[in-house]
Amino acid sequence: MSLSRIPRSTRSNTRFIASLLIETPNTLISLRTHKVIYRRYAGLFFSLCVDITDNELAYLECIHLFVEILDHFFSNVYLILDEFILAGELQETSKKAIIERMGELEKLE
């Protein structure tokens, strides 16, 4: 889905994109210089705003991996996010490596 006109304020943009997520059956919304990639799990939307040139399939897999890891370690959401994504960049793509690292961190607690 391509959008030629987007509301100006941040609040309007957030509401506008949220309404598109609900109405659009796709997993991609293209904006001017960015695209919103999203996936729905159990009534929750997980979304990422990425550069228009980025690979959407890689980010769909990224969302799926994040949800799988949340299922495994629900109590440590912020630690998981730090292991998985750092400064907006994907750091690790191996579920096994992330789960092992989370196990090491649990032992330290």
PDB file of N, CA and C in Angstrom:
ATOM      1  N   MET A   1       0.842  -1.171   0.000  1.00  0.00           N
ATOM      2  CA  MET A   1       0.000   0.000   0.000  1.00  0.00           C
ATOM      3  C   MET A   1       0.886   1.232   0.000  1.00  0.00           C
ATOM      4  N   SER A   2       0.637   2.181  -0.867  1.00  0.00           N
ATOM      5  CA  SER A   2       1.426   3.397  -0.961  1.00  0.00           C
ATOM      6  C   SER A   2       0.588   4.587  -0.513  1.00  0.00           C
ATOM      7  N   LEU A   3       1.214   5.484   0.220  1.00  0.00           N
ATOM      8  CA  LEU A   3       0.507   6.651   0.728  1.00  0.00           C
ATOM      9  C   LEU A   3       1.104   7.915   0.144  1.00  0.00           C
ATOM     10  N   SER A   4       0.281   8.735  -0.447  1.00  0.00           N
ATOM     11  CA  SER A   4       0.800   9.977  -1.010  1.00  0.00           C
ATOM     12  C   SER A   4       0.642  11.138  -0.042  1.00  0.00           C
ATOM     13  N   ARG A   5      -0.287  11.033   0.884  1.00  0.00           N
ATOM     14  CA  ARG A   5      -0.530  12.138   1.809  1.00  0.00           C
ATOM     15  C   ARG A   5      -0.613  11.598   3.230  1.00  0.00           C
ATOM     16  N   ILE A   6       0.173  12.175   4.116  1.00  0.00           N
ATOM     17  CA  ILE A   6       0.221  11.745   5.509  1.00  0.00           C
ATOM     18  C   ILE A   6      -0.066  12.955   6.388  1.00  0.00           C
ATOM     19  N   PRO A   7      -0.890  12.815   7.416  1.00  0.00           N
ATOM     20  CA  PRO A   7      -1.133  13.933   8.326  1.00  0.00           C
ATOM     21  C   PRO A   7       0.164  14.453   8.921  1.00  0.00           C
ATOM     22  N   ARG A   8       0.169  15.732   9.314  1.00  0.00           N
ATOM     23  CA  ARG A   8       1.411  16.376   9.746  1.00  0.00           C
ATOM     24  C   ARG A   8       1.833  16.085  11.179  1.00  0.00           C
ATOM     25  N   SER A   9       0.950  16.132  12.117  1.00  0.00           N
ATOM     26  CA  SER A   9       1.360  15.985  13.518  1.00  0.00           C
ATOM     27  C   SER A   9       1.676  14.534  13.855  1.00  0.00           C
ATOM     28  N   THR A  10       2.529  14.354  14.861  1.00  0.00           N
ATOM     29  CA  THR A  10       2.917  13.010  15.299  1.00  0.00           C
ATOM     30  C   THR A  10       1.717  12.227  15.787  1.00  0.00           C
ATOM     31  N   ARG A  11       0.856  12.856  16.546  1.00  0.00           N
ATOM     32  CA  ARG A  11      -0.343  12.179  17.049  1.00  0.00           C
ATOM     33  C   ARG A  11      -1.224  11.731  15.889  1.00  0.00           C
ATOM     34  N   SER A  12      -1.399  12.592  14.905  1.00  0.00           N
ATOM     35  CA  SER A  12      -2.205  12.225  13.740  1.00  0.00           C
ATOM     36  C   SER A  12      -1.544  11.088  12.971  1.00  0.00           C
ATOM     37  N   ASN A  13      -0.215  11.130  12.826  1.00  0.00           N
ATOM     38  CA  ASN A  13       0.499  10.066  12.126  1.00  0.00           C
ATOM     39  C   ASN A  13       0.307   8.734  12.825  1.00  0.00           C
ATOM     40  N   THR A  14       0.417   8.728  14.143  1.00  0.00           N
ATOM     41  CA  THR A  14       0.272   7.493  14.912  1.00  0.00           C
ATOM     42  C   THR A  14      -1.120   6.914  14.731  1.00  0.00           C
ATOM     43  N   ARG A  15      -2.134   7.744  14.857  1.00  0.00           N
ATOM     44  CA  ARG A  15      -3.509   7.264  14.677  1.00  0.00           C
ATOM     45  C   ARG A  15      -3.758   6.800  13.247  1.00  0.00           C
ATOM     46  N   PHE A  16      -3.209   7.556  12.294  1.00  0.00           N
ATOM     47  CA  PHE A  16      -3.375   7.228  10.883  1.00  0.00           C
ATOM     48  C   PHE A  16      -2.762   5.865  10.575  1.00  0.00           C
ATOM     49  N   ILE A  17      -1.537   5.624  11.025  1.00  0.00           N
ATOM     50  CA  ILE A  17      -0.863   4.345  10.781  1.00  0.00           C
ATOM     51  C   ILE A  17      -1.568   3.220  11.522  1.00  0.00           C
ATOM     52  N   ALA A  18      -2.009   3.474  12.758  1.00  0.00           N
ATOM     53  CA  ALA A  18      -2.737   2.448  13.511  1.00  0.00           C
ATOM     54  C   ALA A  18      -4.010   2.031  12.776  1.00  0.00           C
ATOM     55  N   SER A  19      -4.733   2.987  12.214  1.00  0.00           N
ATOM     56  CA  SER A  19      -5.954   2.642  11.474  1.00  0.00           C
ATOM     57  C   SER A  19      -5.615   1.845  10.215  1.00  0.00           C
ATOM     58  N   LEU A  20      -4.490   2.160   9.576  1.00  0.00           N
ATOM     59  CA  LEU A  20      -4.074   1.393   8.392  1.00  0.00           C
ATOM     60  C   LEU A  20      -3.694  -0.031   8.753  1.00  0.00           C
ATOM     61  N   LEU A  21      -3.053  -0.216   9.901  1.00  0.00           N
ATOM     62  CA  LEU A  21      -2.668  -1.555  10.327  1.00  0.00           C
ATOM     63  C   LEU A  21      -3.889  -2.448  10.476  1.00  0.00           C
ATOM     64  N   ILE A  22      -4.949  -1.888  11.011  1.00  0.00           N
ATOM     65  CA  ILE A  22      -6.170  -2.658  11.234  1.00  0.00           C
ATOM     66  C   ILE A  22      -6.886  -2.941   9.916  1.00  0.00           C
ATOM     67  N   GLU A  23      -6.901  -1.958   9.013  1.00  0.00           N
ATOM     68  CA  GLU A  23      -7.671  -2.073   7.776  1.00  0.00           C
ATOM     69  C   GLU A  23      -6.939  -2.810   6.664  1.00  0.00           C
ATOM     70  N   THR A  24      -5.618  -2.843   6.686  1.00  0.00           N
ATOM     71  CA  THR A  24      -4.836  -3.377   5.577  1.00  0.00           C
ATOM     72  C   THR A  24      -4.491  -4.841   5.805  1.00  0.00           C
ATOM     73  N   PRO A  25      -4.819  -5.728   4.870  1.00  0.00           N
ATOM     74  CA  PRO A  25      -4.493  -7.140   5.046  1.00  0.00           C
ATOM     75  C   PRO A  25      -3.014  -7.459   4.796  1.00  0.00           C
ATOM     76  N   ASN A  26      -2.277  -6.538   4.182  1.00  0.00           N
ATOM     77  CA  ASN A  26      -0.859  -6.756   3.888  1.00  0.00           C
ATOM     78  C   ASN A  26      -0.029  -6.665   5.159  1.00  0.00           C
ATOM     79  N   THR A  27       1.265  -6.888   5.026  1.00  0.00           N
ATOM     80  CA  THR A  27       2.183  -6.722   6.153  1.00  0.00           C
ATOM     81  C   THR A  27       3.156  -5.580   5.892  1.00  0.00           C
ATOM     82  N   LEU A  28       2.807  -4.700   4.948  1.00  0.00           N
ATOM     83  CA  LEU A  28       3.702  -3.625   4.553  1.00  0.00           C
ATOM     84  C   LEU A  28       2.907  -2.384   4.179  1.00  0.00           C
ATOM     85  N   ILE A  29       3.308  -1.255   4.707  1.00  0.00           N
ATOM     86  CA  ILE A  29       2.729   0.028   4.337  1.00  0.00           C
ATOM     87  C   ILE A  29       3.887   0.912   3.898  1.00  0.00           C
ATOM     88  N   SER A  30       3.890   1.375   2.653  1.00  0.00           N
ATOM     89  CA  SER A  30       4.969   2.215   2.138  1.00  0.00           C
ATOM     90  C   SER A  30       4.629   3.688   2.339  1.00  0.00           C
ATOM     91  N   LEU A  31       5.587   4.407   2.903  1.00  0.00           N
ATOM     92  CA  LEU A  31       5.466   5.848   3.071  1.00  0.00           C
ATOM     93  C   LEU A  31       6.446   6.497   2.094  1.00  0.00           C
ATOM     94  N   ARG A  32       6.745   7.782   2.254  1.00  0.00           N
ATOM     95  CA  ARG A  32       7.637   8.459   1.309  1.00  0.00           C
ATOM     96  C   ARG A  32       9.050   7.879   1.316  1.00  0.00           C
ATOM     97  N   THR A  33       9.710   7.911   2.457  1.00  0.00           N
ATOM     98  CA  THR A  33      11.103   7.451   2.534  1.00  0.00           C
ATOM     99  C   THR A  33      11.265   6.257   3.457  1.00  0.00           C
ATOM    100  N   HIS A  34      10.171   5.810   4.038  1.00  0.00           N
ATOM    101  CA  HIS A  34      10.199   4.681   4.966  1.00  0.00           C
ATOM    102  C   HIS A  34       9.039   3.740   4.670  1.00  0.00           C
ATOM    103  N   LYS A  35       9.099   2.591   5.286  1.00  0.00           N
ATOM    104  CA  LYS A  35       7.958   1.685   5.201  1.00  0.00           C
ATOM    105  C   LYS A  35       7.724   1.083   6.577  1.00  0.00           C
ATOM    106  N   VAL A  36       6.471   0.807   6.864  1.00  0.00           N
ATOM    107  CA  VAL A  36       6.079   0.188   8.124  1.00  0.00           C
ATOM    108  C   VAL A  36       5.827  -1.283   7.821  1.00  0.00           C
ATOM    109  N   ILE A  37       6.596  -2.140   8.483  1.00  0.00           N
ATOM    110  CA  ILE A  37       6.453  -3.585   8.334  1.00  0.00           C
ATOM    111  C   ILE A  37       5.840  -4.090   9.628  1.00  0.00           C
ATOM    112  N   TYR A  38       4.777  -4.874   9.516  1.00  0.00           N
ATOM    113  CA  TYR A  38       4.101  -5.317  10.730  1.00  0.00           C
ATOM    114  C   TYR A  38       3.595  -6.736  10.588  1.00  0.00           C
ATOM    115  N   ARG A  39       3.335  -7.318  11.733  1.00  0.00           N
ATOM    116  CA  ARG A  39       2.761  -8.660  11.791  1.00  0.00           C
ATOM    117  C   ARG A  39       1.869  -8.730  13.020  1.00  0.00           C
ATOM    118  N   ARG A  40       0.782  -9.447  12.895  1.00  0.00           N
ATOM    119  CA  ARG A  40      -0.177  -9.564  13.999  1.00  0.00           C
ATOM    120  C   ARG A  40      -0.057 -10.942  14.638  1.00  0.00           C
ATOM    121  N   TYR A  41       0.069 -10.944  15.968  1.00  0.00           N
ATOM    122  CA  TYR A  41       0.097 -12.180  16.748  1.00  0.00           C
ATOM    123  C   TYR A  41      -0.895 -12.041  17.888  1.00  0.00           C
ATOM    124  N   ALA A  42      -1.853 -12.935  17.957  1.00  0.00           N
ATOM    125  CA  ALA A  42      -2.828 -12.990  19.057  1.00  0.00           C
ATOM    126  C   ALA A  42      -3.419 -11.620  19.375  1.00  0.00           C
ATOM    127  N   GLY A  43      -3.780 -10.887  18.355  1.00  0.00           N
ATOM    128  CA  GLY A  43      -4.422  -9.593  18.561  1.00  0.00           C
ATOM    129  C   GLY A  43      -3.459  -8.440  18.807  1.00  0.00           C
ATOM    130  N   LEU A  44      -2.165  -8.702  18.855  1.00  0.00           N
ATOM    131  CA  LEU A  44      -1.166  -7.648  19.040  1.00  0.00           C
ATOM    132  C   LEU A  44      -0.446  -7.399  17.724  1.00  0.00           C
ATOM    133  N   PHE A  45      -0.181  -6.133  17.440  1.00  0.00           N
ATOM    134  CA  PHE A  45       0.586  -5.790  16.251  1.00  0.00           C
ATOM    135  C   PHE A  45       2.008  -5.468  16.664  1.00  0.00           C
ATOM    136  N   PHE A  46       2.964  -6.088  16.006  1.00  0.00           N
ATOM    137  CA  PHE A  46       4.378  -5.780  16.181  1.00  0.00           C
ATOM    138  C   PHE A  46       4.793  -5.075  14.900  1.00  0.00           C
ATOM    139  N   SER A  47       5.288  -3.850  15.006  1.00  0.00           N
ATOM    140  CA  SER A  47       5.602  -3.086  13.810  1.00  0.00           C
ATOM    141  C   SER A  47       6.979  -2.448  13.898  1.00  0.00           C
ATOM    142  N   LEU A  48       7.583  -2.278  12.735  1.00  0.00           N
ATOM    143  CA  LEU A  48       8.882  -1.635  12.602  1.00  0.00           C
ATOM    144  C   LEU A  48       8.799  -0.625  11.470  1.00  0.00           C
ATOM    145  N   CYS A  49       9.363   0.542  11.675  1.00  0.00           N
ATOM    146  CA  CYS A  49       9.470   1.534  10.615  1.00  0.00           C
ATOM    147  C   CYS A  49      10.914   1.493  10.125  1.00  0.00           C
ATOM    148  N   VAL A  50      11.101   1.135   8.855  1.00  0.00           N
ATOM    149  CA  VAL A  50      12.439   0.945   8.307  1.00  0.00           C
ATOM    150  C   VAL A  50      12.604   1.768   7.033  1.00  0.00           C
ATOM    151  N   ASP A  51      13.833   1.863   6.565  1.00  0.00           N
ATOM    152  CA  ASP A  51      14.139   2.564   5.335  1.00  0.00           C
ATOM    153  C   ASP A  51      13.448   1.870   4.165  1.00  0.00           C
ATOM    154  N   ILE A  52      13.054   2.629   3.171  1.00  0.00           N
ATOM    155  CA  ILE A  52      12.318   2.103   2.023  1.00  0.00           C
ATOM    156  C   ILE A  52      13.123   1.044   1.266  1.00  0.00           C
ATOM    157  N   THR A  53      14.454   1.076   1.379  1.00  0.00           N
ATOM    158  CA  THR A  53      15.291   0.122   0.640  1.00  0.00           C
ATOM    159  C   THR A  53      15.565  -1.168   1.408  1.00  0.00           C
ATOM    160  N   ASP A  54      15.171  -1.233   2.685  1.00  0.00           N
ATOM    161  CA  ASP A  54      15.435  -2.424   3.499  1.00  0.00           C
ATOM    162  C   ASP A  54      14.583  -3.610   3.051  1.00  0.00           C
ATOM    163  N   ASN A  55      15.077  -4.799   3.331  1.00  0.00           N
ATOM    164  CA  ASN A  55      14.414  -6.048   2.952  1.00  0.00           C
ATOM    165  C   ASN A  55      13.282  -6.356   3.933  1.00  0.00           C
ATOM    166  N   GLU A  56      12.042  -6.303   3.461  1.00  0.00           N
ATOM    167  CA  GLU A  56      10.902  -6.520   4.351  1.00  0.00           C
ATOM    168  C   GLU A  56      10.813  -7.956   4.865  1.00  0.00           C
ATOM    169  N   LEU A  57      11.242  -8.935   4.079  1.00  0.00           N
ATOM    170  CA  LEU A  57      11.194 -10.317   4.540  1.00  0.00           C
ATOM    171  C   LEU A  57      12.120 -10.541   5.740  1.00  0.00           C
ATOM    172  N   ALA A  58      13.272  -9.893   5.730  1.00  0.00           N
ATOM    173  CA  ALA A  58      14.196 -10.010   6.866  1.00  0.00           C
ATOM    174  C   ALA A  58      13.550  -9.444   8.131  1.00  0.00           C
ATOM    175  N   TYR A  59      12.831  -8.344   8.001  1.00  0.00           N
ATOM    176  CA  TYR A  59      12.191  -7.748   9.165  1.00  0.00           C
ATOM    177  C   TYR A  59      10.955  -8.529   9.612  1.00  0.00           C
ATOM    178  N   LEU A  60      10.243  -9.160   8.691  1.00  0.00           N
ATOM    179  CA  LEU A  60       9.141 -10.035   9.088  1.00  0.00           C
ATOM    180  C   LEU A  60       9.675 -11.212   9.897  1.00  0.00           C
ATOM    181  N   GLU A  61      10.811 -11.764   9.468  1.00  0.00           N
ATOM    182  CA  GLU A  61      11.459 -12.825  10.232  1.00  0.00           C
ATOM    183  C   GLU A  61      11.941 -12.311  11.577  1.00  0.00           C
ATOM    184  N   CYS A  62      12.429 -11.088  11.603  1.00  0.00           N
ATOM    185  CA  CYS A  62      12.883 -10.444  12.842  1.00  0.00           C
ATOM    186  C   CYS A  62      11.723 -10.356  13.839  1.00  0.00           C
ATOM    187  N   ILE A  63      10.555  -9.922  13.365  1.00  0.00           N
ATOM    188  CA  ILE A  63       9.373  -9.828  14.228  1.00  0.00           C
ATOM    189  C   ILE A  63       8.989 -11.219  14.734  1.00  0.00           C
ATOM    190  N   HIS A  64       8.986 -12.194  13.844  1.00  0.00           N
ATOM    191  CA  HIS A  64       8.617 -13.563  14.225  1.00  0.00           C
ATOM    192  C   HIS A  64       9.578 -14.113  15.281  1.00  0.00           C
ATOM    193  N   LEU A  65      10.865 -13.903  15.086  1.00  0.00           N
ATOM    194  CA  LEU A  65      11.869 -14.352  16.045  1.00  0.00           C
ATOM    195  C   LEU A  65      11.662 -13.678  17.399  1.00  0.00           C
ATOM    196  N   PHE A  66      11.384 -12.388  17.388  1.00  0.00           N
ATOM    197  CA  PHE A  66      11.154 -11.650  18.630  1.00  0.00           C
ATOM    198  C   PHE A  66       9.965 -12.223  19.389  1.00  0.00           C
ATOM    199  N   VAL A  67       8.885 -12.528  18.688  1.00  0.00           N
ATOM    200  CA  VAL A  67       7.697 -13.093  19.332  1.00  0.00           C
ATOM    201  C   VAL A  67       7.996 -14.473  19.910  1.00  0.00           C
ATOM    202  N   GLU A  68       8.746 -15.296  19.181  1.00  0.00           N
ATOM    203  CA  GLU A  68       9.119 -16.617  19.696  1.00  0.00           C
ATOM    204  C   GLU A  68       9.950 -16.499  20.975  1.00  0.00           C
ATOM    205  N   ILE A  69      10.865 -15.558  20.988  1.00  0.00           N
ATOM    206  CA  ILE A  69      11.712 -15.374  22.165  1.00  0.00           C
ATOM    207  C   ILE A  69      10.892 -14.814  23.330  1.00  0.00           C
ATOM    208  N   LEU A  70       9.959 -13.920  23.047  1.00  0.00           N
ATOM    209  CA  LEU A  70       9.077 -13.420  24.108  1.00  0.00           C
ATOM    210  C   LEU A  70       8.279 -14.564  24.721  1.00  0.00           C
ATOM    211  N   ASP A  71       7.835 -15.489  23.891  1.00  0.00           N
ATOM    212  CA  ASP A  71       7.112 -16.651  24.401  1.00  0.00           C
ATOM    213  C   ASP A  71       7.975 -17.452  25.373  1.00  0.00           C
ATOM    214  N   HIS A  72       9.252 -17.541  25.075  1.00  0.00           N
ATOM    215  CA  HIS A  72      10.151 -18.346  25.898  1.00  0.00           C
ATOM    216  C   HIS A  72      10.557 -17.624  27.189  1.00  0.00           C
ATOM    217  N   PHE A  73      10.798 -16.325  27.112  1.00  0.00           N
ATOM    218  CA  PHE A  73      11.286 -15.558  28.263  1.00  0.00           C
ATOM    219  C   PHE A  73      10.394 -14.352  28.524  1.00  0.00           C
ATOM    220  N   PHE A  74       9.132 -14.549  28.769  1.00  0.00           N
ATOM    221  CA  PHE A  74       8.219 -13.417  28.899  1.00  0.00           C
ATOM    222  C   PHE A  74       8.574 -12.473  30.033  1.00  0.00           C
ATOM    223  N   SER A  75       9.169 -12.956  31.100  1.00  0.00           N
ATOM    224  CA  SER A  75       9.450 -12.092  32.250  1.00  0.00           C
ATOM    225  C   SER A  75      10.617 -11.133  32.025  1.00  0.00           C
ATOM    226  N   ASN A  76      11.453 -11.363  31.017  1.00  0.00           N
ATOM    227  CA  ASN A  76      12.637 -10.529  30.795  1.00  0.00           C
ATOM    228  C   ASN A  76      12.579  -9.782  29.465  1.00  0.00           C
ATOM    229  N   VAL A  77      11.466  -9.126  29.184  1.00  0.00           N
ATOM    230  CA  VAL A  77      11.250  -8.507  27.880  1.00  0.00           C
ATOM    231  C   VAL A  77      12.337  -7.497  27.531  1.00  0.00           C
ATOM    232  N   TYR A  78      12.712  -6.621  28.466  1.00  0.00           N
ATOM    233  CA  TYR A  78      13.687  -5.581  28.144  1.00  0.00           C
ATOM    234  C   TYR A  78      15.076  -6.157  27.929  1.00  0.00           C
ATOM    235  N   LEU A  79      15.446  -7.172  28.684  1.00  0.00           N
ATOM    236  CA  LEU A  79      16.735  -7.827  28.466  1.00  0.00           C
ATOM    237  C   LEU A  79      16.774  -8.506  27.104  1.00  0.00           C
ATOM    238  N   ILE A  80      15.670  -9.117  26.733  1.00  0.00           N
ATOM    239  CA  ILE A  80      15.599  -9.779  25.427  1.00  0.00           C
ATOM    240  C   ILE A  80      15.776  -8.752  24.320  1.00  0.00           C
ATOM    241  N   LEU A  81      15.075  -7.646  24.433  1.00  0.00           N
ATOM    242  CA  LEU A  81      15.155  -6.606  23.411  1.00  0.00           C
ATOM    243  C   LEU A  81      16.579  -6.087  23.276  1.00  0.00           C
ATOM    244  N   ASP A  82      17.288  -5.925  24.404  1.00  0.00           N
ATOM    245  CA  ASP A  82      18.679  -5.471  24.363  1.00  0.00           C
ATOM    246  C   ASP A  82      19.584  -6.480  23.676  1.00  0.00           C
ATOM    247  N   GLU A  83      19.317  -7.768  23.820  1.00  0.00           N
ATOM    248  CA  GLU A  83      20.130  -8.799  23.176  1.00  0.00           C
ATOM    249  C   GLU A  83      19.818  -8.919  21.693  1.00  0.00           C
ATOM    250  N   PHE A  84      18.604  -8.609  21.331  1.00  0.00           N
ATOM    251  CA  PHE A  84      18.095  -8.820  19.985  1.00  0.00           C
ATOM    252  C   PHE A  84      18.339  -7.624  19.068  1.00  0.00           C
ATOM    253  N   ILE A  85      18.034  -6.421  19.564  1.00  0.00           N
ATOM    254  CA  ILE A  85      18.161  -5.193  18.774  1.00  0.00           C
ATOM    255  C   ILE A  85      18.925  -4.174  19.609  1.00  0.00           C
ATOM    256  N   LEU A  86      19.916  -3.524  19.010  1.00  0.00           N
ATOM    257  CA  LEU A  86      20.718  -2.518  19.698  1.00  0.00           C
ATOM    258  C   LEU A  86      20.762  -1.266  18.841  1.00  0.00           C
ATOM    259  N   ALA A  87      20.348  -0.145  19.411  1.00  0.00           N
ATOM    260  CA  ALA A  87      20.343   1.145  18.705  1.00  0.00           C
ATOM    261  C   ALA A  87      19.588   1.066  17.371  1.00  0.00           C
ATOM    262  N   GLY A  88      18.491   0.327  17.375  1.00  0.00           N
ATOM    263  CA  GLY A  88      17.666   0.237  16.177  1.00  0.00           C
ATOM    264  C   GLY A  88      18.179  -0.717  15.114  1.00  0.00           C
ATOM    265  N   GLU A  89      19.262  -1.416  15.403  1.00  0.00           N
ATOM    266  CA  GLU A  89      19.840  -2.351  14.441  1.00  0.00           C
ATOM    267  C   GLU A  89      19.738  -3.781  14.949  1.00  0.00           C
ATOM    268  N   LEU A  90      19.403  -4.689  14.072  1.00  0.00           N
ATOM    269  CA  LEU A  90      19.322  -6.096  14.408  1.00  0.00           C
ATOM    270  C   LEU A  90      20.715  -6.596  14.769  1.00  0.00           C
ATOM    271  N   GLN A  91      20.856  -7.212  15.959  1.00  0.00           N
ATOM    272  CA  GLN A  91      22.157  -7.671  16.434  1.00  0.00           C
ATOM    273  C   GLN A  91      22.339  -9.169  16.323  1.00  0.00           C
ATOM    274  N   GLU A  92      21.279  -9.921  16.501  1.00  0.00           N
ATOM    275  CA  GLU A  92      21.392 -11.373  16.526  1.00  0.00           C
ATOM    276  C   GLU A  92      20.175 -11.987  15.850  1.00  0.00           C
ATOM    277  N   THR A  93      20.403 -12.983  14.992  1.00  0.00           N
ATOM    278  CA  THR A  93      19.295 -13.620  14.286  1.00  0.00           C
ATOM    279  C   THR A  93      19.093 -15.077  14.700  1.00  0.00           C
ATOM    280  N   SER A  94      19.944 -15.576  15.573  1.00  0.00           N
ATOM    281  CA  SER A  94      19.845 -16.961  16.002  1.00  0.00           C
ATOM    282  C   SER A  94      19.030 -17.080  17.283  1.00  0.00           C
ATOM    283  N   LYS A  95      17.889 -17.756  17.194  1.00  0.00           N
ATOM    284  CA  LYS A  95      17.062 -17.968  18.392  1.00  0.00           C
ATOM    285  C   LYS A  95      17.859 -18.703  19.457  1.00  0.00           C
ATOM    286  N   LYS A  96      18.620 -19.699  19.055  1.00  0.00           N
ATOM    287  CA  LYS A  96      19.414 -20.490  19.992  1.00  0.00           C
ATOM    288  C   LYS A  96      20.433 -19.610  20.732  1.00  0.00           C
ATOM    289  N   ALA A  97      21.127 -18.746  20.001  1.00  0.00           N
ATOM    290  CA  ALA A  97      22.133 -17.868  20.619  1.00  0.00           C
ATOM    291  C   ALA A  97      21.495 -16.904  21.612  1.00  0.00           C
ATOM    292  N   ILE A  98      20.348 -16.357  21.265  1.00  0.00           N
ATOM    293  CA  ILE A  98      19.672 -15.412  22.164  1.00  0.00           C
ATOM    294  C   ILE A  98      19.195 -16.141  23.419  1.00  0.00           C
ATOM    295  N   ILE A  99      18.604 -17.310  23.254  1.00  0.00           N
ATOM    296  CA  ILE A  99      18.108 -18.071  24.405  1.00  0.00           C
ATOM    297  C   ILE A  99      19.268 -18.484  25.307  1.00  0.00           C
ATOM    298  N   GLU A 100      20.397 -18.895  24.724  1.00  0.00           N
ATOM    299  CA  GLU A 100      21.574 -19.242  25.528  1.00  0.00           C
ATOM    300  C   GLU A 100      22.068 -18.035  26.314  1.00  0.00           C
ATOM    301  N   ARG A 101      22.126 -16.878  25.664  1.00  0.00           N
ATOM    302  CA  ARG A 101      22.580 -15.647  26.333  1.00  0.00           C
ATOM    303  C   ARG A 101      21.620 -15.270  27.461  1.00  0.00           C
ATOM    304  N   MET A 102      20.322 -15.424  27.232  1.00  0.00           N
ATOM    305  CA  MET A 102      19.347 -15.108  28.273  1.00  0.00           C
ATOM    306  C   MET A 102      19.511 -16.063  29.453  1.00  0.00           C
ATOM    307  N   GLY A 103      19.831 -17.332  29.175  1.00  0.00           N
ATOM    308  CA  GLY A 103      20.091 -18.298  30.243  1.00  0.00           C
ATOM    309  C   GLY A 103      21.290 -17.888  31.068  1.00  0.00           C
ATOM    310  N   GLU A 104      22.349 -17.405  30.405  1.00  0.00           N
ATOM    311  CA  GLU A 104      23.542 -16.920  31.115  1.00  0.00           C
ATOM    312  C   GLU A 104      23.196 -15.727  31.997  1.00  0.00           C
ATOM    313  N   LEU A 105      22.371 -14.821  31.475  1.00  0.00           N
ATOM    314  CA  LEU A 105      21.979 -13.641  32.255  1.00  0.00           C
ATOM    315  C   LEU A 105      21.125 -14.022  33.449  1.00  0.00           C
ATOM    316  N   GLU A 106      20.253 -15.036  33.293  1.00  0.00           N
ATOM    317  CA  GLU A 106      19.422 -15.502  34.411  1.00  0.00           C
ATOM    318  C   GLU A 106      20.280 -16.071  35.529  1.00  0.00           C
ATOM    319  N   LYS A 107      21.365 -16.766  35.176  1.00  0.00           N
ATOM    320  CA  LYS A 107      22.266 -17.341  36.179  1.00  0.00           C
ATOM    321  C   LYS A 107      22.947 -16.251  37.009  1.00  0.00           C
ATOM    322  N   LEU A 108      23.179 -15.091  36.408  1.00  0.00           N
ATOM    323  CA  LEU A 108      23.831 -13.978  37.098  1.00  0.00           C
ATOM    324  C   LEU A 108      22.911 -13.314  38.112  1.00  0.00           C
ATOM    325  N   GLU A 109      21.614 -13.431  37.914  1.00  0.00           N
ATOM    326  CA  GLU A 109      20.636 -12.775  38.804  1.00  0.00           C
ATOM    327  C   GLU A 109      20.455 -13.454  40.105  1.00  0.00           C
TER     328      GLU A 109
END
